[in-house]
Amino acid sequence: MPNLLFHPRYPKILLAIFLLYAAAWSIHPTDVKDWALENALTVLALLFLILTHKRLPLSNISYTAIFIFLCLHTIGSHYTYSLVPYNDWTRALLGRSLNDILGWQRNNFDRIVHFCFGLLLAYPIRELFLRVAGAKGFWGYYLPLDVTISFSALYELIEWAAAVIFGAELGAAYVGAQGDPWDAQKDMALATLGAVICIACVALINWKFDRNFGAELRDSLTVKPDVGPLGEQKLRDLINHVP
């Protein structure tokens, strides 16, 4: 039996599993309005992946990372992030709650998922940079990290806008700050940490097995002789060449 990860229909298998999984978690959510709001971005993400699959199929590793992240997000949207009963689950399995084991004082499921956002999605974003933008060397590591952090900040802005627009209980459930004034900053910091770990692992693997790693890194940081200064000089050149 061939390894499932290399099966040509692997992405479709993952999609089918996720749709069944999401359907199961859509039954009797804690807050229907929050569930719908949380899953709006999930639907957009799935549509993007489906519509671009033929022209830009990602690696099965990228699809797996996205799948795991969406599965975690689905749990959060079912209960609302601040009410996910992970302590009950670990207490049933280990005899102690996860908060007791780690010394946490609040429900940290949202923090776990923000960390996983960086850890799991930095690699698919890197793949897009390498295959679409042609990023190489240093830029193939830095730019995916930078964009992952930017997406995390953008999501915090979306949460803020949703809280302002919908207000009251729905906004509070969607943001999930649990009274922490630094919630957004901590979420972004954890997403950054996850992304740094992911990109560092990729860089370490390439350093170990890619003989061109050092040369490509150096070449990506050299000034390209065929590209001069931009800004006002580029503007002047554009104006002078207007027919």
Protein backbone atom coordinates (compact mmCIF):
# COMPACT_ATOMS: atom_id res chain seq x y z
CA MET A 1 0.00 0.00 0.00
CA PRO A 2 1.60 3.29 -1.07
CA ASN A 3 2.26 5.96 1.51
CA LEU A 4 -0.91 8.05 1.78
CA LEU A 5 1.09 11.28 1.91
CA PHE A 6 2.26 10.66 -1.67
CA HIS A 7 -1.15 9.62 -2.99
CA PRO A 8 -2.25 11.91 -5.88
CA ARG A 9 -5.73 12.23 -4.37
CA TYR A 10 -4.40 13.10 -0.91
CA PRO A 11 -5.64 16.75 -0.98
CA LYS A 12 -9.15 15.60 -1.96
CA ILE A 13 -9.10 12.99 0.80
CA LEU A 14 -8.13 15.67 3.31
CA LEU A 15 -10.89 17.96 2.03
CA ALA A 16 -13.51 15.21 2.37
CA ILE A 17 -12.34 14.38 5.90
CA PHE A 18 -12.40 18.04 6.91
CA LEU A 19 -15.89 18.63 5.52
CA LEU A 20 -17.21 15.67 7.52
CA TYR A 21 -15.28 16.84 10.58
CA ALA A 22 -16.59 20.42 10.26
CA ALA A 23 -20.13 19.16 9.74
CA ALA A 24 -19.93 17.15 12.98
CA TRP A 25 -18.67 20.18 14.92
CA SER A 26 -21.40 22.37 13.44
CA ILE A 27 -24.06 20.50 15.43
CA HIS A 28 -25.35 22.57 18.36
CA PRO A 29 -22.50 25.10 18.67
CA THR A 30 -22.31 27.07 21.91
CA ASP A 31 -23.06 30.36 20.16
CA VAL A 32 -24.54 30.06 16.65
CA LYS A 33 -23.75 33.66 15.67
CA ASP A 34 -20.14 33.40 16.83
CA TRP A 35 -19.80 30.03 15.08
CA ALA A 36 -20.96 31.60 11.80
CA LEU A 37 -18.64 34.57 12.24
CA GLU A 38 -15.64 32.39 13.10
CA ASN A 39 -16.20 30.16 10.08
CA ALA A 40 -16.52 32.95 7.52
CA LEU A 41 -12.75 33.05 7.03
CA THR A 42 -12.64 29.23 6.97
CA VAL A 43 -15.05 29.18 4.03
CA LEU A 44 -13.00 31.82 2.19
CA ALA A 45 -9.80 29.84 2.80
CA LEU A 46 -11.34 26.62 1.51
CA LEU A 47 -12.70 28.37 -1.59
CA PHE A 48 -9.25 29.82 -2.31
CA LEU A 49 -7.56 26.43 -1.96
CA ILE A 50 -10.16 24.69 -4.12
CA LEU A 51 -10.15 27.31 -6.87
CA THR A 52 -6.34 27.47 -7.07
CA HIS A 53 -5.67 23.75 -6.74
CA LYS A 54 -5.32 22.98 -10.45
CA ARG A 55 -3.15 25.98 -11.29
CA LEU A 56 -1.20 26.10 -8.05
CA PRO A 57 -1.32 22.78 -6.22
CA LEU A 58 0.55 22.96 -2.93
CA SER A 59 2.62 20.16 -1.48
CA ASN A 60 0.82 17.56 0.58
CA ILE A 61 2.84 18.74 3.60
CA SER A 62 1.35 22.23 3.18
CA TYR A 63 -2.16 20.84 2.80
CA THR A 64 -1.65 18.74 5.94
CA ALA A 65 -0.50 21.77 7.94
CA ILE A 66 -3.51 23.78 6.77
CA PHE A 67 -5.82 20.85 7.56
CA ILE A 68 -4.55 20.56 11.15
CA PHE A 69 -4.90 24.29 11.72
CA LEU A 70 -8.45 24.38 10.38
CA CYS A 71 -9.36 21.40 12.57
CA LEU A 72 -8.17 23.29 15.65
CA HIS A 73 -10.02 26.42 14.54
CA THR A 74 -13.20 24.37 14.04
CA ILE A 75 -13.11 23.27 17.68
CA GLY A 76 -12.67 26.87 18.79
CA SER A 77 -15.57 28.04 16.67
CA HIS A 78 -17.84 25.31 18.07
CA TYR A 79 -17.38 26.26 21.72
CA THR A 80 -16.15 29.86 21.23
CA TYR A 81 -12.43 30.02 21.94
CA SER A 82 -12.68 31.10 25.57
CA LEU A 83 -14.98 28.19 26.46
CA VAL A 84 -13.22 25.19 24.87
CA PRO A 85 -13.25 22.54 27.66
CA TYR A 86 -9.72 21.25 27.10
CA ASN A 87 -9.23 21.07 30.87
CA ASP A 88 -12.07 18.55 31.11
CA TRP A 89 -10.48 16.49 28.33
CA THR A 90 -7.03 16.38 29.92
CA ARG A 91 -8.54 15.72 33.34
CA ALA A 92 -10.37 12.70 31.88
CA LEU A 93 -7.19 11.45 30.19
CA LEU A 94 -4.48 12.39 32.70
CA GLY A 95 -6.36 12.95 35.95
CA ARG A 96 -5.31 16.63 35.99
CA SER A 97 -6.33 19.66 34.01
CA LEU A 98 -3.88 21.14 31.53
CA ASN A 99 -4.09 24.49 33.37
CA ASP A 100 -2.99 22.80 36.60
CA ILE A 101 -0.12 21.04 34.85
CA LEU A 102 1.16 24.20 33.16
CA GLY A 103 0.14 26.72 35.81
CA TRP A 104 -2.24 28.64 33.55
CA GLN A 105 -4.92 30.88 35.05
CA ARG A 106 -7.17 31.38 32.00
CA ASN A 107 -8.55 29.35 29.11
CA ASN A 108 -5.60 29.40 26.71
CA PHE A 109 -7.04 27.50 23.77
CA ASP A 110 -6.98 30.70 21.71
CA ARG A 111 -3.30 31.18 22.54
CA ILE A 112 -2.56 27.58 21.50
CA VAL A 113 -4.26 28.14 18.15
CA HIS A 114 -2.47 31.45 17.56
CA PHE A 115 0.83 29.66 18.16
CA CYS A 116 -0.24 26.92 15.75
CA PHE A 117 -1.19 29.57 13.19
CA GLY A 118 2.46 30.56 12.91
CA LEU A 119 3.82 27.05 13.33
CA LEU A 120 1.55 25.43 10.72
CA LEU A 121 0.92 28.17 8.16
CA ALA A 122 4.41 29.67 7.77
CA TYR A 123 5.43 26.71 5.61
CA PRO A 124 2.54 26.96 3.09
CA ILE A 125 3.19 30.71 2.88
CA ARG A 126 6.89 30.01 2.22
CA GLU A 127 5.91 27.60 -0.54
CA LEU A 128 3.85 30.33 -2.19
CA PHE A 129 6.75 32.78 -2.00
CA LEU A 130 9.19 30.32 -3.54
CA ARG A 131 6.87 29.15 -6.33
CA VAL A 132 5.01 32.35 -7.21
CA ALA A 133 7.34 35.21 -6.23
CA GLY A 134 10.55 33.28 -6.88
CA ALA A 135 11.99 34.20 -3.47
CA LYS A 136 15.41 32.70 -2.84
CA GLY A 137 17.98 32.49 -0.10
CA PHE A 138 17.44 34.82 2.85
CA TRP A 139 14.23 36.21 1.36
CA GLY A 140 12.76 32.71 1.10
CA TYR A 141 12.93 32.53 4.89
CA TYR A 142 12.36 36.12 5.98
CA LEU A 143 9.39 37.03 3.76
CA PRO A 144 7.19 34.06 4.77
CA LEU A 145 7.95 34.87 8.41
CA ASP A 146 7.11 38.52 7.86
CA VAL A 147 3.84 37.78 6.06
CA THR A 148 2.76 35.24 8.67
CA ILE A 149 3.23 37.89 11.36
CA SER A 150 1.38 40.41 9.18
CA PHE A 151 -1.56 38.02 8.75
CA SER A 152 -1.66 37.57 12.52
CA ALA A 153 -1.82 41.35 12.99
CA LEU A 154 -4.47 41.62 10.28
CA TYR A 155 -6.60 39.02 12.06
CA GLU A 156 -6.38 41.03 15.28
CA LEU A 157 -7.63 44.07 13.35
CA ILE A 158 -10.49 41.99 11.94
CA GLU A 159 -11.38 40.91 15.48
CA TRP A 160 -11.35 44.53 16.63
CA ALA A 161 -13.55 45.62 13.72
CA ALA A 162 -15.98 42.76 14.39
CA ALA A 163 -16.19 43.72 18.07
CA VAL A 164 -16.94 47.33 17.11
CA ILE A 165 -19.51 46.39 14.46
CA PHE A 166 -21.35 43.62 16.31
CA GLY A 167 -20.65 44.81 19.87
CA ALA A 168 -21.83 43.36 23.16
CA GLU A 169 -21.80 39.58 23.63
CA LEU A 170 -21.04 38.55 20.04
CA GLY A 171 -18.05 40.87 19.80
CA ALA A 172 -16.71 39.68 23.15
CA ALA A 173 -17.11 36.03 22.17
CA TYR A 174 -15.36 36.60 18.84
CA VAL A 175 -12.42 38.51 20.33
CA GLY A 176 -12.05 36.17 23.31
CA ALA A 177 -9.79 38.57 25.23
CA GLN A 178 -11.11 37.34 28.60
CA GLY A 179 -10.36 40.72 30.14
CA ASP A 180 -6.67 40.77 29.15
CA PRO A 181 -5.75 44.25 27.80
CA TRP A 182 -2.66 42.75 26.12
CA ASP A 183 -4.52 39.87 24.47
CA ALA A 184 -3.85 41.00 20.88
CA GLN A 185 -0.13 41.53 21.52
CA LYS A 186 0.24 38.13 23.21
CA ASP A 187 -1.62 36.42 20.36
CA MET A 188 0.67 38.01 17.78
CA ALA A 189 3.75 37.15 19.84
CA LEU A 190 2.75 33.48 19.97
CA ALA A 191 2.03 33.40 16.23
CA THR A 192 5.47 34.94 15.68
CA LEU A 193 7.10 32.33 17.91
CA GLY A 194 5.38 29.52 16.01
CA ALA A 195 6.44 30.96 12.66
CA VAL A 196 10.04 31.42 13.83
CA ILE A 197 10.19 27.77 14.94
CA CYS A 198 8.75 26.59 11.62
CA ILE A 199 11.08 28.68 9.43
CA ALA A 200 14.09 27.83 11.62
CA CYS A 201 13.37 24.11 11.19
CA VAL A 202 13.08 24.52 7.41
CA ALA A 203 16.34 26.48 7.31
CA LEU A 204 18.09 23.84 9.43
CA ILE A 205 16.93 21.04 7.14
CA ASN A 206 18.07 22.93 4.05
CA TRP A 207 21.41 23.78 5.69
CA LYS A 208 21.91 20.08 6.45
CA PHE A 209 20.96 18.63 3.08
CA ASP A 210 21.20 21.41 0.45
CA ARG A 211 24.77 21.89 -0.80
CA ASN A 212 23.81 25.25 -2.34
CA PHE A 213 22.36 26.63 0.89
CA GLY A 214 25.26 28.96 1.72
CA ALA A 215 25.83 30.18 -1.83
CA GLU A 216 22.14 30.89 -2.36
CA LEU A 217 21.96 32.74 0.94
CA ARG A 218 24.93 34.94 0.04
CA ASP A 219 23.70 35.59 -3.48
CA SER A 220 20.28 36.69 -2.23
CA LEU A 221 21.93 39.42 -0.13
CA THR A 222 24.20 40.84 -2.83
CA VAL A 223 23.34 44.05 -4.67
CA LYS A 224 22.12 43.25 -8.18
CA PRO A 225 24.17 45.28 -10.71
CA ASP A 226 21.37 45.45 -13.28
CA VAL A 227 18.97 47.15 -10.84
CA GLY A 228 19.80 50.73 -9.89
CA PRO A 229 18.26 53.02 -7.28
CA LEU A 230 14.50 53.49 -7.48
CA GLY A 231 12.48 56.31 -5.92
CA GLU A 232 12.96 59.66 -7.64
CA GLN A 233 15.44 58.21 -10.15
CA LYS A 234 12.98 55.56 -11.30
CA LEU A 235 10.23 58.19 -11.47
CA ARG A 236 12.44 60.40 -13.64
CA ASP A 237 13.18 57.50 -15.99
CA LEU A 238 9.49 56.70 -16.29
CA ILE A 239 8.62 60.33 -17.08
CA ASN A 240 11.41 60.63 -19.65
CA HIS A 241 10.20 57.53 -21.45
CA VAL A 242 6.56 58.60 -21.68
CA PRO A 243 5.72 58.67 -25.43
